[in-house]
C-alpha atoms as a PDB file:
ATOM      1  CA  MET A   1       0.000   0.000   0.000  1.00  0.00           C
ATOM      2  CA  LEU A   2       1.172   3.519  -0.672  1.00  0.00           C
ATOM      3  CA  THR A   3       2.335   5.157   2.515  1.00  0.00           C
ATOM      4  CA  THR A   4       2.824   8.723   3.680  1.00  0.00           C
ATOM      5  CA  PRO A   5       4.489  10.089   6.822  1.00  0.00           C
ATOM      6  CA  SER A   6       1.605  12.491   7.352  1.00  0.00           C
ATOM      7  CA  ASP A   7      -1.692  13.405   5.780  1.00  0.00           C
ATOM      8  CA  LYS A   8      -0.145  16.301   3.887  1.00  0.00           C
ATOM      9  CA  THR A   9       3.272  15.286   2.518  1.00  0.00           C
ATOM     10  CA  PHE A  10       5.013  12.441   0.704  1.00  0.00           C
ATOM     11  CA  LEU A  11       8.712  11.723   1.149  1.00  0.00           C
ATOM     12  CA  VAL A  12      10.501  10.137  -1.787  1.00  0.00           C
ATOM     13  CA  ALA A  13      14.098   8.967  -1.526  1.00  0.00           C
ATOM     14  CA  SER A  14      16.267   9.149  -4.623  1.00  0.00           C
ATOM     15  CA  SER A  15      19.599   7.395  -5.010  1.00  0.00           C
ATOM     16  CA  VAL A  16      20.871   9.411  -7.968  1.00  0.00           C
ATOM     17  CA  SER A  17      23.824  10.596  -5.904  1.00  0.00           C
ATOM     18  CA  SER A  18      25.839   8.747  -3.258  1.00  0.00           C
ATOM     19  CA  GLU A  19      23.630  10.248  -0.557  1.00  0.00           C
ATOM     20  CA  PRO A  20      19.851   9.751  -0.618  1.00  0.00           C
ATOM     21  CA  VAL A  21      17.989  12.896  -1.594  1.00  0.00           C
ATOM     22  CA  VAL A  22      14.584  13.213  -0.010  1.00  0.00           C
ATOM     23  CA  ARG A  23      12.000  15.285  -1.838  1.00  0.00           C
ATOM     24  CA  VAL A  24       8.672  16.340  -0.407  1.00  0.00           C
ATOM     25  CA  PHE A  25       5.420  16.217  -2.381  1.00  0.00           C
ATOM     26  CA  GLY A  26       2.032  17.445  -1.163  1.00  0.00           C
ATOM     27  CA  SER A  27       0.277  14.747  -3.203  1.00  0.00           C
ATOM     28  CA  LEU A  28       1.280  11.857  -5.417  1.00  0.00           C
ATOM     29  CA  THR A  29      -0.102  13.887  -8.307  1.00  0.00           C
ATOM     30  CA  ASP A  30       2.718  16.410  -7.735  1.00  0.00           C
ATOM     31  CA  MET A  31       5.346  13.787  -8.573  1.00  0.00           C
ATOM     32  CA  PRO A  32       7.203  13.779 -11.895  1.00  0.00           C
ATOM     33  CA  PRO A  33       5.522  11.314 -14.282  1.00  0.00           C
ATOM     34  CA  ALA A  34       8.250   8.667 -14.125  1.00  0.00           C
ATOM     35  CA  GLU A  35       8.218   8.564 -10.328  1.00  0.00           C
ATOM     36  CA  LEU A  36       4.443   8.475 -10.196  1.00  0.00           C
ATOM     37  CA  THR A  37       4.348   5.592 -12.673  1.00  0.00           C
ATOM     38  CA  ALA A  38       6.809   3.603 -10.564  1.00  0.00           C
ATOM     39  CA  ARG A  39       4.782   4.226  -7.401  1.00  0.00           C
ATOM     40  CA  LEU A  40       1.548   3.125  -9.057  1.00  0.00           C
ATOM     41  CA  ILE A  41       3.137  -0.049 -10.428  1.00  0.00           C
ATOM     42  CA  ASP A  42       4.143  -0.862  -6.857  1.00  0.00           C
ATOM     43  CA  GLU A  43       0.598  -0.152  -5.620  1.00  0.00           C
ATOM     44  CA  LEU A  44      -1.211  -2.273  -8.206  1.00  0.00           C
ATOM     45  CA  PRO A  45      -0.468  -5.669  -6.603  1.00  0.00           C
ATOM     46  CA  SER A  46      -1.910  -4.392  -3.316  1.00  0.00           C
ATOM     47  CA  ALA A  47      -5.078  -3.202  -5.041  1.00  0.00           C
ATOM     48  CA  THR A  48      -5.361  -6.559  -6.787  1.00  0.00           C
ATOM     49  CA  ARG A  49      -4.899  -8.449  -3.516  1.00  0.00           C
ATOM     50  CA  ARG A  50      -7.732  -6.442  -1.976  1.00  0.00           C
ATOM     51  CA  LEU A  51      -9.910  -7.334  -4.953  1.00  0.00           C
ATOM     52  CA  LEU A  52      -9.003 -11.019  -4.761  1.00  0.00           C
ATOM     53  CA  SER A  53      -9.716 -11.097  -1.027  1.00  0.00           C
ATOM     54  CA  THR A  54     -13.304 -10.233  -1.951  1.00  0.00           C
ATOM     55  CA  VAL A  55     -13.467 -12.607  -4.915  1.00  0.00           C
ATOM     56  CA  ASP A  56     -12.080 -15.509  -2.884  1.00  0.00           C
ATOM     57  CA  ARG A  57     -15.132 -15.343  -0.597  1.00  0.00           C
ATOM     58  CA  LEU A  58     -17.621 -15.713  -3.463  1.00  0.00           C
ATOM     59  CA  THR A  59     -19.695 -18.786  -4.161  1.00  0.00           C
ATOM     60  CA  ASP A  60     -20.642 -19.793  -7.681  1.00  0.00           C
ATOM     61  CA  ALA A  61     -24.141 -18.473  -6.947  1.00  0.00           C
ATOM     62  CA  ASP A  62     -22.675 -15.076  -5.983  1.00  0.00           C
ATOM     63  CA  VAL A  63     -21.094 -14.797  -9.428  1.00  0.00           C
ATOM     64  CA  ARG A  64     -24.582 -14.792 -10.958  1.00  0.00           C
ATOM     65  CA  ARG A  65     -25.845 -11.997  -8.694  1.00  0.00           C
ATOM     66  CA  PRO A  66     -26.436  -8.530 -10.166  1.00  0.00           C
ATOM     67  CA  SER A  67     -23.567  -6.114  -9.725  1.00  0.00           C
ATOM     68  CA  VAL A  68     -23.929  -2.362  -9.228  1.00  0.00           C
ATOM     69  CA  LEU A  69     -23.531  -1.880 -12.991  1.00  0.00           C
ATOM     70  CA  PRO A  70     -26.816  -2.107 -14.923  1.00  0.00           C
ATOM     71  CA  GLY A  71     -27.071  -5.291 -16.994  1.00  0.00           C
ATOM     72  CA  TRP A  72     -23.921  -6.850 -15.561  1.00  0.00           C
ATOM     73  CA  THR A  73     -23.682  -9.640 -13.016  1.00  0.00           C
ATOM     74  CA  VAL A  74     -20.780  -9.949 -10.596  1.00  0.00           C
ATOM     75  CA  GLY A  75     -19.353 -12.451 -13.088  1.00  0.00           C
ATOM     76  CA  HIS A  76     -19.461  -9.892 -15.901  1.00  0.00           C
ATOM     77  CA  VAL A  77     -17.412  -7.459 -13.810  1.00  0.00           C
ATOM     78  CA  LEU A  78     -14.878 -10.155 -12.927  1.00  0.00           C
ATOM     79  CA  SER A  79     -14.610 -11.327 -16.521  1.00  0.00           C
ATOM     80  CA  HIS A  80     -14.079  -7.737 -17.663  1.00  0.00           C
ATOM     81  CA  LEU A  81     -11.298  -7.181 -15.125  1.00  0.00           C
ATOM     82  CA  ALA A  82      -9.338 -10.149 -16.461  1.00  0.00           C
ATOM     83  CA  ARG A  83      -9.818  -9.250 -20.118  1.00  0.00           C
ATOM     84  CA  ASN A  84      -8.968  -5.602 -19.387  1.00  0.00           C
ATOM     85  CA  ALA A  85      -5.562  -6.678 -18.046  1.00  0.00           C
ATOM     86  CA  GLU A  86      -4.870  -8.460 -21.328  1.00  0.00           C
ATOM     87  CA  ALA A  87      -6.135  -5.499 -23.346  1.00  0.00           C
ATOM     88  CA  LEU A  88      -3.876  -3.049 -21.522  1.00  0.00           C
ATOM     89  CA  GLY A  89      -1.016  -5.451 -22.167  1.00  0.00           C
ATOM     90  CA  ASN A  90      -1.689  -4.931 -25.868  1.00  0.00           C
ATOM     91  CA  LEU A  91      -1.149  -1.197 -25.395  1.00  0.00           C
ATOM     92  CA  CYS A  92       2.122  -1.905 -23.605  1.00  0.00           C
ATOM     93  CA  GLU A  93       3.247  -3.939 -26.606  1.00  0.00           C
ATOM     94  CA  TRP A  94       2.269  -1.081 -28.913  1.00  0.00           C
ATOM     95  CA  ALA A  95       4.275   1.400 -26.821  1.00  0.00           C
ATOM     96  CA  ARG A  96       7.298  -0.899 -26.590  1.00  0.00           C
ATOM     97  CA  THR A  97       7.513  -1.867 -30.263  1.00  0.00           C
ATOM     98  CA  GLY A  98       5.851   1.038 -32.063  1.00  0.00           C
ATOM     99  CA  VAL A  99       3.626  -1.462 -33.895  1.00  0.00           C
ATOM    100  CA  ARG A 100      -0.068  -0.680 -33.542  1.00  0.00           C
ATOM    101  CA  LYS A 101      -1.831  -3.172 -31.280  1.00  0.00           C
ATOM    102  CA  PRO A 102      -5.258  -1.967 -30.084  1.00  0.00           C
ATOM    103  CA  MET A 103      -6.788  -3.001 -26.790  1.00  0.00           C
ATOM    104  CA  TYR A 104      -9.582  -4.958 -28.452  1.00  0.00           C
ATOM    105  CA  ALA A 105     -10.154  -6.277 -31.959  1.00  0.00           C
ATOM    106  CA  SER A 106     -13.561  -4.583 -31.898  1.00  0.00           C
ATOM    107  CA  THR A 107     -16.275  -3.457 -29.505  1.00  0.00           C
ATOM    108  CA  GLU A 108     -18.190  -6.590 -30.400  1.00  0.00           C
ATOM    109  CA  ALA A 109     -15.216  -8.820 -29.629  1.00  0.00           C
ATOM    110  CA  ARG A 110     -14.742  -7.108 -26.256  1.00  0.00           C
ATOM    111  CA  GLU A 111     -18.363  -7.686 -25.285  1.00  0.00           C
ATOM    112  CA  ALA A 112     -18.302 -11.284 -26.528  1.00  0.00           C
ATOM    113  CA  ASP A 113     -15.222 -12.101 -24.449  1.00  0.00           C
ATOM    114  CA  ILE A 114     -16.768 -10.590 -21.313  1.00  0.00           C
ATOM    115  CA  ASN A 115     -20.027 -12.472 -21.828  1.00  0.00           C
ATOM    116  CA  ALA A 116     -18.204 -15.731 -22.526  1.00  0.00           C
ATOM    117  CA  GLY A 117     -16.441 -15.607 -19.172  1.00  0.00           C
ATOM    118  CA  ALA A 118     -19.210 -14.187 -17.009  1.00  0.00           C
ATOM    119  CA  ALA A 119     -20.793 -17.461 -15.826  1.00  0.00           C
ATOM    120  CA  ARG A 120     -17.590 -19.295 -14.920  1.00  0.00           C
ATOM    121  CA  PRO A 121     -17.177 -20.652 -11.376  1.00  0.00           C
ATOM    122  CA  ALA A 122     -15.861 -18.239  -8.755  1.00  0.00           C
ATOM    123  CA  ALA A 123     -12.539 -20.051  -8.391  1.00  0.00           C
ATOM    124  CA  VAL A 124     -11.926 -19.873 -12.147  1.00  0.00           C
ATOM    125  CA  GLN A 125     -12.718 -16.172 -12.141  1.00  0.00           C
ATOM    126  CA  ALA A 126     -10.285 -15.560  -9.292  1.00  0.00           C
ATOM    127  CA  GLU A 127      -7.476 -17.454 -11.004  1.00  0.00           C
ATOM    128  CA  ASP A 128      -8.075 -15.588 -14.261  1.00  0.00           C
ATOM    129  CA  ILE A 129      -7.888 -12.203 -12.558  1.00  0.00           C
ATOM    130  CA  ALA A 130      -4.811 -13.167 -10.553  1.00  0.00           C
ATOM    131  CA  SER A 131      -2.856 -14.559 -13.496  1.00  0.00           C
ATOM    132  CA  SER A 132      -3.794 -11.834 -15.977  1.00  0.00           C
ATOM    133  CA  SER A 133      -3.011  -9.128 -13.420  1.00  0.00           C
ATOM    134  CA  ASP A 134       0.374 -10.673 -12.631  1.00  0.00           C
ATOM    135  CA  ARG A 135       1.240 -10.800 -16.324  1.00  0.00           C
ATOM    136  CA  LEU A 136       0.316  -7.151 -16.756  1.00  0.00           C
ATOM    137  CA  VAL A 137       2.471  -6.019 -13.832  1.00  0.00           C
ATOM    138  CA  GLU A 138       5.359  -8.024 -15.295  1.00  0.00           C
ATOM    139  CA  ARG A 139       4.865  -6.160 -18.569  1.00  0.00           C
ATOM    140  CA  PHE A 140       4.907  -2.869 -16.681  1.00  0.00           C
ATOM    141  CA  ARG A 141       8.148  -3.745 -14.919  1.00  0.00           C
ATOM    142  CA  ASP A 142       9.772  -4.813 -18.203  1.00  0.00           C
ATOM    143  CA  MET A 143       8.857  -1.618 -20.070  1.00  0.00           C
ATOM    144  CA  PRO A 144      11.856   0.477 -21.169  1.00  0.00           C
ATOM    145  CA  ASP A 145      11.781   3.946 -19.627  1.00  0.00           C
ATOM    146  CA  THR A 146      11.439   5.591 -23.030  1.00  0.00           C
ATOM    147  CA  ALA A 147       8.383   3.513 -23.938  1.00  0.00           C
ATOM    148  CA  TRP A 148       6.276   5.156 -21.248  1.00  0.00           C
ATOM    149  CA  GLN A 149       6.170   8.362 -23.283  1.00  0.00           C
ATOM    150  CA  ALA A 150       5.124   6.643 -26.509  1.00  0.00           C
ATOM    151  CA  THR A 151       1.643   7.538 -27.742  1.00  0.00           C
ATOM    152  CA  VAL A 152      -1.034   4.858 -27.915  1.00  0.00           C
ATOM    153  CA  ARG A 153      -4.761   5.062 -28.630  1.00  0.00           C
ATOM    154  CA  TRP A 154      -7.657   3.989 -26.461  1.00  0.00           C
ATOM    155  CA  PRO A 155     -10.785   2.427 -28.027  1.00  0.00           C
ATOM    156  CA  SER A 156     -12.414   5.870 -27.880  1.00  0.00           C
ATOM    157  CA  GLY A 157      -9.722   7.149 -30.245  1.00  0.00           C
ATOM    158  CA  ALA A 158      -8.086   9.271 -27.542  1.00  0.00           C
ATOM    159  CA  ALA A 159      -4.303   9.451 -27.863  1.00  0.00           C
ATOM    160  CA  ARG A 160      -2.418   9.230 -24.574  1.00  0.00           C
ATOM    161  CA  THR A 161       1.098   8.525 -23.393  1.00  0.00           C
ATOM    162  CA  ALA A 162       1.686   4.941 -22.320  1.00  0.00           C
ATOM    163  CA  ASP A 163       2.274   5.866 -18.680  1.00  0.00           C
ATOM    164  CA  GLN A 164      -1.490   6.439 -18.492  1.00  0.00           C
ATOM    165  CA  ILE A 165      -1.975   2.668 -18.909  1.00  0.00           C
ATOM    166  CA  VAL A 166      -0.849   2.140 -15.308  1.00  0.00           C
ATOM    167  CA  THR A 167      -3.329   4.647 -13.886  1.00  0.00           C
ATOM    168  CA  ALA A 168      -6.041   3.193 -16.097  1.00  0.00           C
ATOM    169  CA  ARG A 169      -5.465  -0.258 -14.598  1.00  0.00           C
ATOM    170  CA  LEU A 170      -5.551   1.093 -11.054  1.00  0.00           C
ATOM    171  CA  MET A 171      -8.855   2.773 -11.913  1.00  0.00           C
ATOM    172  CA  GLU A 172     -10.262  -0.483 -13.290  1.00  0.00           C
ATOM    173  CA  VAL A 173      -9.250  -2.543 -10.276  1.00  0.00           C
ATOM    174  CA  GLU A 174     -10.362  -0.125  -7.568  1.00  0.00           C
ATOM    175  CA  VAL A 175     -13.585   1.158  -9.114  1.00  0.00           C
ATOM    176  CA  HIS A 176     -14.808  -2.200 -10.390  1.00  0.00           C
ATOM    177  CA  HIS A 177     -14.055  -3.682  -6.984  1.00  0.00           C
ATOM    178  CA  VAL A 178     -16.641  -1.188  -5.706  1.00  0.00           C
ATOM    179  CA  ASP A 179     -18.968  -2.042  -8.610  1.00  0.00           C
ATOM    180  CA  LEU A 180     -19.178  -5.647  -7.442  1.00  0.00           C
ATOM    181  CA  GLY A 181     -21.517  -4.379  -4.729  1.00  0.00           C
ATOM    182  CA  LEU A 182     -19.978  -6.658  -2.122  1.00  0.00           C
ATOM    183  CA  GLY A 183     -19.027  -4.165   0.581  1.00  0.00           C
ATOM    184  CA  TYR A 184     -15.878  -2.515  -0.786  1.00  0.00           C
ATOM    185  CA  SER A 185     -16.321   1.228  -1.157  1.00  0.00           C
ATOM    186  CA  LEU A 186     -14.325   4.161  -2.443  1.00  0.00           C
ATOM    187  CA  ASP A 187     -13.542   4.974   1.195  1.00  0.00           C
ATOM    188  CA  ASP A 188     -11.565   1.703   1.242  1.00  0.00           C
ATOM    189  CA  VAL A 189      -9.337   2.874  -1.616  1.00  0.00           C
ATOM    190  CA  PRO A 190      -6.103   4.361  -0.207  1.00  0.00           C
ATOM    191  CA  ALA A 191      -6.352   8.145  -0.023  1.00  0.00           C
ATOM    192  CA  GLU A 192      -3.230   8.586  -2.155  1.00  0.00           C
ATOM    193  CA  SER A 193      -4.777   6.472  -4.907  1.00  0.00           C
ATOM    194  CA  ARG A 194      -8.028   8.432  -4.739  1.00  0.00           C
ATOM    195  CA  ASP A 195      -6.056  11.607  -5.459  1.00  0.00           C
ATOM    196  CA  VAL A 196      -4.428   9.999  -8.495  1.00  0.00           C
ATOM    197  CA  LEU A 197      -7.743   8.708  -9.836  1.00  0.00           C
ATOM    198  CA  LEU A 198      -9.402  12.100  -9.349  1.00  0.00           C
ATOM    199  CA  GLN A 199      -6.611  13.757 -11.314  1.00  0.00           C
ATOM    200  CA  TYR A 200      -6.924  11.102 -14.034  1.00  0.00           C
ATOM    201  CA  VAL A 201     -10.627  11.842 -14.478  1.00  0.00           C
ATOM    202  CA  VAL A 202     -10.414  15.628 -14.278  1.00  0.00           C
ATOM    203  CA  ALA A 203      -7.575  15.734 -16.829  1.00  0.00           C
ATOM    204  CA  ARG A 204     -10.032  14.341 -19.390  1.00  0.00           C
ATOM    205  CA  TRP A 205     -12.727  16.954 -18.854  1.00  0.00           C
ATOM    206  CA  PRO A 206     -13.391  19.410 -21.686  1.00  0.00           C
ATOM    207  CA  SER A 207     -11.526  22.699 -21.312  1.00  0.00           C
ATOM    208  CA  ASP A 208     -14.741  24.698 -21.094  1.00  0.00           C
ATOM    209  CA  LEU A 209     -15.984  22.859 -17.979  1.00  0.00           C
ATOM    210  CA  ASN A 210     -15.461  25.628 -15.423  1.00  0.00           C
ATOM    211  CA  VAL A 211     -15.371  23.539 -12.247  1.00  0.00           C
ATOM    212  CA  VAL A 212     -12.768  23.300  -9.480  1.00  0.00           C
ATOM    213  CA  LEU A 213     -12.722  20.335  -7.089  1.00  0.00           C
ATOM    214  CA  ARG A 214     -11.184  20.582  -3.625  1.00  0.00           C
ATOM    215  CA  SER A 215     -10.649  17.577  -1.390  1.00  0.00           C
ATOM    216  CA  THR A 216     -11.199  18.154   2.310  1.00  0.00           C
ATOM    217  CA  ASP A 217      -9.338  15.055   3.519  1.00  0.00           C
ATOM    218  CA  THR A 218      -6.296  14.894   1.220  1.00  0.00           C
ATOM    219  CA  PRO A 219      -3.921  17.528  -0.214  1.00  0.00           C
ATOM    220  CA  TRP A 220      -5.460  17.264  -3.681  1.00  0.00           C
ATOM    221  CA  SER A 221      -7.389  19.891  -5.602  1.00  0.00           C
ATOM    222  CA  SER A 222      -7.948  20.305  -9.312  1.00  0.00           C
ATOM    223  CA  ALA A 223      -6.276  23.080 -11.258  1.00  0.00           C
ATOM    224  CA  THR A 224      -7.710  26.559 -10.850  1.00  0.00           C
ATOM    225  CA  SER A 225     -10.200  27.260 -13.597  1.00  0.00           C
ATOM    226  CA  GLY A 226     -11.319  30.547 -15.108  1.00  0.00           C
ATOM    227  CA  ALA A 227     -13.264  33.370 -13.512  1.00  0.00           C
ATOM    228  CA  GLY A 228     -16.606  32.303 -12.123  1.00  0.00           C
ATOM    229  CA  ALA A 229     -15.597  28.681 -11.672  1.00  0.00           C
ATOM    230  CA  ARG A 230     -17.974  26.506  -9.656  1.00  0.00           C
ATOM    231  CA  ILE A 231     -16.173  25.271  -6.531  1.00  0.00           C
ATOM    232  CA  VAL A 232     -17.103  21.793  -5.324  1.00  0.00           C
ATOM    233  CA  THR A 233     -15.644  20.492  -2.058  1.00  0.00           C
ATOM    234  CA  GLY A 234     -15.857  17.245  -0.128  1.00  0.00           C
ATOM    235  CA  GLY A 235     -14.000  14.148   0.886  1.00  0.00           C
ATOM    236  CA  SER A 236     -11.929  12.573  -1.855  1.00  0.00           C
ATOM    237  CA  ALA A 237     -14.034   9.394  -1.884  1.00  0.00           C
ATOM    238  CA  ALA A 238     -17.219  11.442  -2.291  1.00  0.00           C
ATOM    239  CA  LEU A 239     -15.635  13.526  -5.050  1.00  0.00           C
ATOM    240  CA  LEU A 240     -14.435  10.418  -6.876  1.00  0.00           C
ATOM    241  CA  GLY A 241     -17.825   8.744  -6.662  1.00  0.00           C
ATOM    242  CA  TRP A 242     -19.462  11.834  -8.100  1.00  0.00           C
ATOM    243  CA  VAL A 243     -17.061  12.407 -11.007  1.00  0.00           C
ATOM    244  CA  LEU A 244     -17.373   8.721 -11.965  1.00  0.00           C
ATOM    245  CA  GLY A 245     -21.166   8.863 -11.913  1.00  0.00           C
ATOM    246  CA  ARG A 246     -21.395   6.372  -9.039  1.00  0.00           C
ATOM    247  CA  THR A 247     -23.079   8.845  -6.666  1.00  0.00           C
ATOM    248  CA  ASP A 248     -25.296  11.916  -7.012  1.00  0.00           C
ATOM    249  CA  GLY A 249     -22.964  14.219  -5.089  1.00  0.00           C
ATOM    250  CA  THR A 250     -25.263  14.819  -2.132  1.00  0.00           C
ATOM    251  CA  ALA A 251     -22.275  14.493   0.228  1.00  0.00           C
ATOM    252  CA  LEU A 252     -20.513  17.405  -1.490  1.00  0.00           C
ATOM    253  CA  ALA A 253     -20.679  21.157  -0.945  1.00  0.00           C
ATOM    254  CA  SER A 254     -20.911  23.652  -3.788  1.00  0.00           C
ATOM    255  CA  ASP A 255     -21.453  27.364  -4.262  1.00  0.00           C
ATOM    256  CA  GLY A 256     -24.682  26.659  -6.121  1.00  0.00           C
ATOM    257  CA  THR A 257     -26.194  23.591  -7.717  1.00  0.00           C
ATOM    258  CA  LEU A 258     -23.797  20.843  -8.714  1.00  0.00           C
ATOM    259  CA  PRO A 259     -22.858  21.137 -12.385  1.00  0.00           C
ATOM    260  CA  ALA A 260     -23.522  18.422 -14.929  1.00  0.00           C
ATOM    261  CA  LEU A 261     -20.406  16.368 -15.644  1.00  0.00           C
ATOM    262  CA  PRO A 262     -19.327  14.369 -18.687  1.00  0.00           C
ATOM    263  CA  ALA A 263     -20.180  10.679 -18.465  1.00  0.00           C
ATOM    264  CA  TRP A 264     -17.193   8.549 -17.459  1.00  0.00           C
ATOM    265  CA  GLY A 265     -16.358   5.369 -19.272  1.00  0.00           C
END
């Protein structure tokens, strides 16, 4: 799990010189991209273990229960998590080799693969998630430093640097763990990770969305917007639930009505 010596600063030791150099960051999102990527790669196995601790308690009947996501059972969410790990591995290959390799062959193929795996026994689901997640982390650790700045494309057509693949996987694991509807909540996500996921979402908002978010329980806030920006404050878990469309924002405070946000996903 990511750790911090206090609720306001992060200490990062660097061994570039003979003596360790300790740098202080108010939030993980203040880190240089390369350091943030390394920290998130280290956090991913912990997030996956938390997910698997939930999955390991499931019965085969639980797999067929509805999840929080409309139209998806718990098994659909689990199947998606495994296939997503493989799909993000394709983007890693693209970044490493420069040869185009999309996440999925098509939208139809993605949906077919998820549906095909949704009804499998709980133990099979758990093994699939564990093995596919381990393979993805191995890919992350084997990536050359220069490959992280290569540009790859998401199924939406959005072009992003490959270091965003790591944050995307953390988002998938943590948020879909919540979507299982089995007791894990965004409050259970480490505060440092919530900051990173908030930044990941807000960075994809349209430039004309004049909204500023301010966390009341972590150092994070979104970048200052233009004059007349709507200020929305609250705990980081409540903010994250709202920006992802998982909650209606009633736990948040705003100088006026809450603005409409772009759909996430």
